[in-house]
Amino acid sequence: MKLAWQDADVLDMPTLGTRVTAFDGLAEVAGGYGAKLAFARTRAEAFRTEFAATGTPDDVTTCDLITLPYPTRFGLFRASRAIAPFLSITNRMLVIRWTESDGRRRVLLFEPSDVELGRNTPYFAALIRRTPGPLRSLLTTQHGTVLGHLARLGVKPEDVDYLMFDHLHTQDLRRWVGTTGPQADLGATVKPAFPNAKVIVQRHELLAMSKLHPLQQPWYQPDTYRDVRPDAFLAVDGSLVLGPGVAVVDTPGHVLGNQTLVLNTSTGIWASSENAIAAECLTPEHSRMPGIARWARTWQQEIVLNANTIETTADQYNSLVIEKTLVDRSQADPRFLQFFPSSELTASWANPGTAPTFTHKAIHHEAVHHTARTTRESS
């Protein structure tokens, strides 16, 4: 399938930010995935020190978008003994603002999902068709919209510089970046809601979307990328420091082009991705959910993956260990780490045995130059 950027220079965009060299050579490490894991852990420790010296962003705000059902066998891969076939996850957007050395202000939206169009993802569309309407309304809660949250925060869409997702599963970006022609389902040519924003995406993922593997197809909406504006993408290779206390780290596995947002804040370093759905999945020995701690102990697994797509499971395991190594411990409960799932496990009456032991609900950051504290944003 031919996508919009294949006839454009999007894949030759100039470099963004400062390249991170700490993980150079990881893919070429000899000796198998165990050797790569040891290398990854050591290099993550080195980058952690390096990254902490870059400073902190001005502001980090968390915005709830939607709580929805998700298969337990995916979210708590092999470990859960809950009787519930589904659990609940809450998808959230982060709004990150920082100041460049030349005084320019930057705004990054991480996980600004267009929830309405995301429902057309093949897997979720099939699930919706099988679920009676009244039950769907009980199991799904929409907390707010991307544009609604930004209006409340006083952020103008034209002031947004970057959009970023850990990966493009479920994402339909047409209303955010605009199209080059009319769309059958949306009417006329779509004007971009974020006219000045660039989508930061790993080159691997852009290239893969032109010919998806059968394992990938249930989770992408490739047809929605046929007519998107190709100049709206910034294809990157690997890890970058984007600004003071803001980085994107290449974390392949969940998809080949997976990437993690890393933040240095007043409470220490955080990482956010969908490699896991709960903070306790990085320290499963402290989980009280049925089966999790026993499974980790029995099989000597230090993490529990989110595995709806098993593209390269060992790579995903190693990537999650990188995230685990980078972050600090929670100030609320030091048994758990400051890993903030972009879609976080959420307790629900409908899903017995899947209530998380601990949740972050938001990233809290108090900038040095002012006293305002970010709080959980919900409608």
Protein backbone atom coordinates (compact mmCIF):
# COMPACT_ATOMS: atom_id res chain seq x y z
CA MET A 1 0.00 0.00 0.00
CA LYS A 2 1.29 3.44 -0.90
CA LEU A 3 1.24 6.01 1.89
CA ALA A 4 1.50 9.79 1.76
CA TRP A 5 5.16 10.13 2.76
CA GLN A 6 6.51 7.66 0.20
CA ASP A 7 6.77 10.35 -2.48
CA ALA A 8 8.06 13.01 -0.08
CA ASP A 9 11.30 13.86 1.66
CA VAL A 10 9.85 13.14 5.10
CA LEU A 11 12.35 10.32 5.67
CA ASP A 12 15.24 12.72 5.09
CA MET A 13 14.19 15.35 7.61
CA PRO A 14 16.98 17.21 9.46
CA THR A 15 17.96 15.89 12.88
CA LEU A 16 15.77 16.90 15.82
CA GLY A 17 17.25 17.56 19.25
CA THR A 18 20.52 16.01 20.38
CA ARG A 19 21.27 12.42 19.51
CA VAL A 20 21.76 10.01 22.40
CA THR A 21 24.77 7.76 21.85
CA ALA A 22 24.48 5.69 25.04
CA PHE A 23 22.63 2.86 23.30
CA ASP A 24 24.78 2.71 20.17
CA GLY A 25 25.74 -0.85 19.35
CA LEU A 26 22.88 -2.53 21.22
CA ALA A 27 21.45 -4.18 18.10
CA GLU A 28 24.85 -5.61 17.17
CA VAL A 29 25.74 -7.12 20.57
CA ALA A 30 26.83 -10.73 20.09
CA GLY A 31 25.72 -13.57 22.34
CA GLY A 32 21.95 -13.42 22.05
CA TYR A 33 19.22 -11.56 23.91
CA GLY A 34 20.72 -12.24 27.34
CA ALA A 35 23.92 -10.46 26.34
CA LYS A 36 21.86 -7.62 24.88
CA LEU A 37 19.93 -7.32 28.15
CA ALA A 38 23.13 -6.94 30.17
CA PHE A 39 24.42 -4.32 27.71
CA ALA A 40 21.08 -2.45 27.74
CA ARG A 41 20.98 -2.29 31.53
CA THR A 42 24.54 -0.95 31.75
CA ARG A 43 23.98 1.66 29.05
CA ALA A 44 20.68 2.77 30.62
CA GLU A 45 22.52 3.41 33.90
CA ALA A 46 25.00 5.59 32.02
CA PHE A 47 22.29 7.52 30.18
CA ARG A 48 20.36 8.04 33.41
CA THR A 49 23.24 10.09 34.83
CA GLU A 50 23.73 11.95 31.57
CA PHE A 51 20.03 12.75 31.20
CA ALA A 52 19.59 14.01 34.77
CA ALA A 53 22.11 16.76 33.97
CA THR A 54 20.01 18.19 31.09
CA GLY A 55 17.65 20.05 33.44
CA THR A 56 13.88 19.92 33.77
CA PRO A 57 10.94 21.06 31.63
CA ASP A 58 8.81 24.03 32.65
CA ASP A 59 5.58 22.11 33.06
CA VAL A 60 4.08 18.63 32.81
CA THR A 61 0.31 18.19 32.88
CA THR A 62 -1.66 14.94 32.75
CA CYS A 63 -5.02 14.77 30.97
CA ASP A 64 -7.37 11.77 31.14
CA LEU A 65 -8.91 10.82 27.80
CA ILE A 66 -10.74 7.49 28.02
CA THR A 67 -11.11 4.38 30.18
CA LEU A 68 -11.89 1.26 28.16
CA PRO A 69 -11.76 -2.55 28.34
CA TYR A 70 -8.65 -4.45 27.24
CA PRO A 71 -7.99 -8.22 27.26
CA THR A 72 -6.35 -9.44 30.46
CA ARG A 73 -4.26 -11.93 28.48
CA PHE A 74 -2.66 -9.04 26.62
CA GLY A 75 -2.17 -6.54 29.41
CA LEU A 76 -0.83 -9.00 32.01
CA PHE A 77 0.90 -11.37 29.61
CA ARG A 78 0.91 -14.94 30.98
CA ALA A 79 1.04 -13.77 34.61
CA SER A 80 -2.53 -13.05 35.71
CA ARG A 81 -4.81 -15.62 37.35
CA ALA A 82 -7.81 -13.28 37.36
CA ILE A 83 -11.08 -14.79 36.25
CA ALA A 84 -12.01 -11.64 34.32
CA PRO A 85 -11.26 -11.89 30.58
CA PHE A 86 -10.96 -8.10 30.42
CA LEU A 87 -9.38 -5.41 32.52
CA SER A 88 -9.70 -1.63 32.25
CA ILE A 89 -7.05 0.83 31.11
CA THR A 90 -7.11 4.63 31.14
CA ASN A 91 -5.46 6.36 28.21
CA ARG A 92 -3.94 9.73 29.07
CA MET A 93 -2.28 12.62 27.27
CA LEU A 94 0.75 14.45 28.68
CA VAL A 95 1.30 18.12 27.89
CA ILE A 96 4.99 19.01 28.26
CA ARG A 97 6.33 22.54 27.98
CA TRP A 98 9.96 23.63 28.07
CA THR A 99 12.16 26.60 27.16
CA GLU A 100 15.03 26.28 24.69
CA SER A 101 18.43 27.85 25.42
CA ASP A 102 17.53 30.69 23.03
CA GLY A 103 14.32 31.43 24.96
CA ARG A 104 11.88 29.75 22.57
CA ARG A 105 8.99 27.97 24.29
CA ARG A 106 8.12 24.45 23.10
CA VAL A 107 4.94 22.40 23.55
CA LEU A 108 4.86 18.63 23.12
CA LEU A 109 1.71 16.51 23.30
CA PHE A 110 2.43 12.88 24.18
CA GLU A 111 -0.36 10.41 23.35
CA PRO A 112 -2.90 12.96 22.03
CA SER A 113 -5.25 10.19 20.85
CA ASP A 114 -8.23 11.06 18.69
CA VAL A 115 -10.45 8.74 20.71
CA GLU A 116 -13.45 8.99 18.38
CA LEU A 117 -11.54 7.85 15.30
CA GLY A 118 -9.46 5.37 17.28
CA ARG A 119 -12.57 3.21 17.68
CA ASN A 120 -12.19 2.22 14.02
CA THR A 121 -9.04 0.22 14.77
CA PRO A 122 -9.85 -3.31 13.50
CA TYR A 123 -9.44 -5.05 16.87
CA PHE A 124 -11.54 -2.53 18.81
CA ALA A 125 -14.12 -2.19 16.02
CA ALA A 126 -14.69 -5.96 16.17
CA LEU A 127 -14.92 -5.83 19.96
CA ILE A 128 -17.48 -3.01 19.79
CA ARG A 129 -19.60 -4.98 17.33
CA ARG A 130 -19.71 -7.95 19.71
CA THR A 131 -20.63 -5.88 22.77
CA PRO A 132 -24.23 -4.70 23.34
CA GLY A 133 -24.60 -0.93 23.40
CA PRO A 134 -25.76 -0.61 27.06
CA LEU A 135 -22.82 -2.74 28.21
CA ARG A 136 -20.37 -0.67 26.16
CA SER A 137 -21.53 2.48 27.90
CA LEU A 138 -21.02 0.86 31.30
CA LEU A 139 -17.49 -0.34 30.51
CA THR A 140 -16.21 2.74 28.68
CA THR A 141 -15.86 6.26 30.10
CA GLN A 142 -14.68 9.25 28.08
CA HIS A 143 -13.11 11.82 30.41
CA GLY A 144 -12.26 14.55 27.93
CA THR A 145 -10.91 15.34 24.50
CA VAL A 146 -7.51 16.52 23.36
CA LEU A 147 -8.79 19.90 22.19
CA GLY A 148 -11.03 20.30 25.23
CA HIS A 149 -8.14 19.74 27.63
CA LEU A 150 -5.91 22.17 25.75
CA ALA A 151 -8.59 24.87 25.80
CA ARG A 152 -8.91 24.48 29.56
CA LEU A 153 -5.14 24.70 29.96
CA GLY A 154 -4.93 27.81 27.79
CA VAL A 155 -2.80 26.09 25.13
CA LYS A 156 -3.62 27.22 21.60
CA PRO A 157 -3.48 24.46 18.96
CA GLU A 158 -1.26 26.62 16.76
CA ASP A 159 1.30 26.82 19.59
CA VAL A 160 1.82 23.05 19.70
CA ASP A 161 5.22 22.14 18.24
CA TYR A 162 5.26 18.35 18.48
CA LEU A 163 2.89 15.40 18.65
CA MET A 164 4.34 12.09 19.80
CA PHE A 165 3.03 8.59 20.48
CA ASP A 166 4.90 5.62 21.88
CA HIS A 167 3.71 3.89 18.70
CA LEU A 168 0.94 4.38 16.16
CA HIS A 169 -1.38 1.51 17.16
CA THR A 170 -5.01 2.71 16.92
CA GLN A 171 -3.97 6.24 15.89
CA ASP A 172 -5.83 8.13 13.13
CA LEU A 173 -4.05 11.48 12.76
CA ARG A 174 -6.06 13.04 9.95
CA ARG A 175 -7.86 15.60 12.11
CA TRP A 176 -4.63 16.55 13.86
CA VAL A 177 -2.28 17.00 10.86
CA GLY A 178 -4.71 17.48 7.98
CA THR A 179 -5.07 15.76 4.61
CA THR A 180 -4.12 16.53 1.02
CA GLY A 181 -7.54 15.56 -0.33
CA PRO A 182 -11.17 14.92 0.67
CA GLN A 183 -11.93 11.96 2.95
CA ALA A 184 -14.93 9.72 2.35
CA ASP A 185 -15.77 9.44 6.05
CA LEU A 186 -14.85 12.97 7.12
CA GLY A 187 -16.10 14.94 4.14
CA ALA A 188 -13.95 17.63 2.56
CA THR A 189 -10.19 17.92 2.73
CA VAL A 190 -9.33 18.06 6.44
CA LYS A 191 -7.69 21.19 7.79
CA PRO A 192 -5.12 20.43 10.52
CA ALA A 193 -6.14 21.12 14.10
CA PHE A 194 -2.40 21.53 14.85
CA PRO A 195 -1.11 23.43 11.80
CA ASN A 196 2.43 23.93 13.13
CA ALA A 197 2.97 20.58 14.83
CA LYS A 198 5.30 17.82 13.67
CA VAL A 199 4.71 14.16 14.53
CA ILE A 200 7.85 12.63 16.04
CA VAL A 201 7.95 9.00 14.95
CA GLN A 202 10.65 6.37 14.55
CA ARG A 203 11.57 5.79 10.92
CA HIS A 204 11.13 2.02 11.39
CA GLU A 205 7.46 2.41 12.17
CA LEU A 206 6.72 4.70 9.24
CA LEU A 207 8.38 2.29 6.83
CA ALA A 208 6.60 -0.74 8.32
CA MET A 209 3.16 0.77 7.84
CA SER A 210 3.38 0.49 4.05
CA LYS A 211 3.32 -3.33 4.30
CA LEU A 212 2.03 -4.55 7.64
CA HIS A 213 2.64 -8.07 8.90
CA PRO A 214 -0.52 -10.08 9.76
CA LEU A 215 0.38 -9.81 13.48
CA GLN A 216 0.27 -6.02 13.16
CA GLN A 217 -2.86 -5.57 11.08
CA PRO A 218 -5.50 -5.69 13.86
CA TRP A 219 -3.91 -2.70 15.61
CA TYR A 220 -3.19 -0.16 12.85
CA GLN A 221 -5.34 1.99 10.60
CA PRO A 222 -3.01 2.30 7.59
CA ASP A 223 -5.68 3.52 5.16
CA THR A 224 -6.03 6.72 7.20
CA TYR A 225 -2.42 7.63 6.31
CA ARG A 226 -2.91 7.60 2.53
CA ASP A 227 -3.63 11.32 2.30
CA VAL A 228 -2.17 12.81 5.48
CA ARG A 229 0.20 15.72 4.98
CA PRO A 230 3.65 14.12 4.59
CA ASP A 231 5.42 17.27 5.80
CA ALA A 232 3.77 16.80 9.21
CA PHE A 233 6.12 13.94 10.14
CA LEU A 234 9.58 14.06 11.67
CA ALA A 235 11.16 10.65 11.11
CA VAL A 236 13.87 9.98 13.69
CA ASP A 237 16.39 7.22 14.18
CA GLY A 238 16.90 6.12 17.76
CA SER A 239 17.05 8.17 20.94
CA LEU A 240 17.14 11.96 21.28
CA VAL A 241 17.19 14.62 23.98
CA LEU A 242 14.51 17.05 22.82
CA GLY A 243 14.94 19.73 25.48
CA PRO A 244 15.77 20.23 29.16
CA GLY A 245 14.60 17.09 30.93
CA VAL A 246 12.73 15.78 27.86
CA ALA A 247 13.91 12.82 25.80
CA VAL A 248 12.62 10.14 23.48
CA VAL A 249 14.29 6.74 23.88
CA ASP A 250 14.12 4.05 21.22
CA THR A 251 12.45 1.01 22.87
CA PRO A 252 11.71 -1.56 20.15
CA GLY A 253 9.69 -4.69 20.79
CA HIS A 254 6.03 -3.89 21.30
CA VAL A 255 6.45 -2.61 17.76
CA LEU A 256 9.77 -2.30 15.94
CA GLY A 257 9.52 1.49 16.07
CA ASN A 258 8.37 1.77 19.69
CA GLN A 259 9.62 4.83 21.59
CA THR A 260 9.45 6.00 25.21
CA LEU A 261 9.03 9.51 26.59
CA VAL A 262 11.51 10.16 29.40
CA LEU A 263 11.12 13.18 31.71
CA ASN A 264 13.34 14.63 34.43
CA THR A 265 11.06 16.28 36.99
CA SER A 266 11.05 17.64 40.51
CA THR A 267 10.33 14.11 41.77
CA GLY A 268 13.04 12.51 39.64
CA ILE A 269 13.04 10.68 36.32
CA TRP A 270 9.89 9.21 34.76
CA ALA A 271 9.34 7.07 31.68
CA SER A 272 6.06 6.68 29.81
CA SER A 273 5.10 4.08 27.23
CA GLU A 274 2.73 1.17 26.70
CA ASN A 275 5.36 -1.54 27.17
CA ALA A 276 3.57 -2.28 30.44
CA ILE A 277 0.14 -1.28 31.74
CA ALA A 278 0.93 -0.85 35.45
CA ALA A 279 3.82 0.35 37.57
CA GLU A 280 3.75 -2.96 39.43
CA CYS A 281 4.55 -4.75 36.18
CA LEU A 282 8.11 -3.45 36.64
CA THR A 283 8.29 -4.71 40.25
CA PRO A 284 5.87 -7.66 40.09
CA GLU A 285 7.16 -9.06 43.38
CA HIS A 286 5.11 -6.34 45.10
CA SER A 287 1.88 -6.95 43.18
CA ARG A 288 -1.20 -8.17 45.05
CA MET A 289 -3.08 -9.05 41.87
CA PRO A 290 -3.78 -12.80 41.63
CA GLY A 291 -0.90 -14.69 40.08
CA ILE A 292 1.47 -11.83 39.29
CA ALA A 293 4.06 -12.19 42.07
CA ARG A 294 3.99 -16.00 41.95
CA TRP A 295 4.48 -16.03 38.17
CA ALA A 296 7.41 -13.62 38.38
CA ARG A 297 8.99 -15.68 41.14
CA THR A 298 8.41 -19.04 39.45
CA TRP A 299 9.78 -18.00 36.08
CA GLN A 300 12.33 -15.47 37.36
CA GLN A 301 10.79 -12.68 35.31
CA GLU A 302 11.51 -9.19 36.60
CA ILE A 303 8.80 -7.56 34.50
CA VAL A 304 5.34 -8.30 33.06
CA LEU A 305 4.87 -7.20 29.47
CA ASN A 306 1.90 -5.68 27.69
CA ALA A 307 1.76 -8.14 24.81
CA ASN A 308 -1.12 -7.53 22.43
CA THR A 309 1.39 -7.75 19.59
CA ILE A 310 4.32 -10.09 19.96
CA GLU A 311 6.58 -8.64 17.28
CA THR A 312 9.84 -9.28 19.13
CA THR A 313 9.09 -10.23 22.73
CA ALA A 314 12.70 -10.43 23.95
CA ASP A 315 13.39 -6.96 22.54
CA GLN A 316 10.34 -5.63 24.36
CA TYR A 317 11.51 -7.26 27.59
CA ASN A 318 14.93 -5.63 27.22
CA SER A 319 13.36 -2.27 26.38
CA LEU A 320 11.20 -2.37 29.50
CA VAL A 321 14.30 -3.11 31.57
CA ILE A 322 15.86 0.03 30.05
CA GLU A 323 12.81 1.98 31.25
CA LYS A 324 13.03 0.31 34.65
CA THR A 325 16.69 1.26 34.95
CA LEU A 326 16.18 4.88 33.92
CA VAL A 327 13.45 5.89 36.35
CA ASP A 328 13.37 6.81 40.02
CA ARG A 329 11.27 5.24 42.75
CA SER A 330 7.86 6.68 43.56
CA GLN A 331 7.81 9.13 46.43
CA ALA A 332 4.31 7.89 47.29
CA ASP A 333 5.42 4.25 47.61
CA PRO A 334 9.08 3.38 46.96
CA ARG A 335 8.21 -0.24 46.17
CA PHE A 336 7.05 1.05 42.80
CA LEU A 337 8.87 2.96 40.08
CA GLN A 338 8.07 6.17 38.25
CA PHE A 339 7.01 4.31 35.15
CA PHE A 340 3.82 5.94 33.90
CA PRO A 341 1.89 3.71 31.49
CA SER A 342 0.43 5.71 28.63
CA SER A 343 -2.61 3.47 29.15
CA GLU A 344 -2.70 2.65 32.88
CA LEU A 345 -4.46 -0.28 34.54
CA THR A 346 -7.58 1.01 36.31
CA ALA A 347 -9.78 -0.75 38.87
CA SER A 348 -13.26 -1.67 37.69
CA TRP A 349 -16.15 -3.50 39.34
CA ALA A 350 -16.61 -5.46 36.13
CA ASN A 351 -13.12 -6.98 36.16
CA PRO A 352 -12.47 -8.91 39.40
CA GLY A 353 -8.85 -9.75 40.09
CA THR A 354 -7.42 -6.93 37.99
CA ALA A 355 -7.46 -4.01 40.45
CA PRO A 356 -3.92 -2.56 40.52
CA THR A 357 -1.94 -2.55 43.74
CA PHE A 358 -0.68 0.96 42.97
CA THR A 359 -1.47 3.65 40.41
CA HIS A 360 0.20 6.92 39.51
CA LYS A 361 -2.80 8.54 37.77
CA ALA A 362 -0.60 11.53 36.86
CA ILE A 363 2.97 12.74 36.59
CA HIS A 364 3.61 15.43 39.16
CA HIS A 365 6.18 18.10 38.39
CA GLU A 366 6.96 21.36 40.16
CA ALA A 367 9.23 23.55 38.07
CA VAL A 368 12.11 25.22 39.85
CA HIS A 369 11.18 28.76 38.86
CA HIS A 370 7.56 28.68 40.08
CA THR A 371 5.47 26.94 42.69
CA ALA A 372 2.57 25.66 40.59
CA ARG A 373 2.16 21.90 40.82
CA THR A 374 0.61 19.91 38.05
CA THR A 375 -2.38 17.85 39.09
CA ARG A 376 -4.47 15.16 37.56
CA GLU A 377 -6.56 16.68 34.81
CA SER A 378 -9.95 15.16 34.18
CA SER A 379 -13.26 16.43 32.94
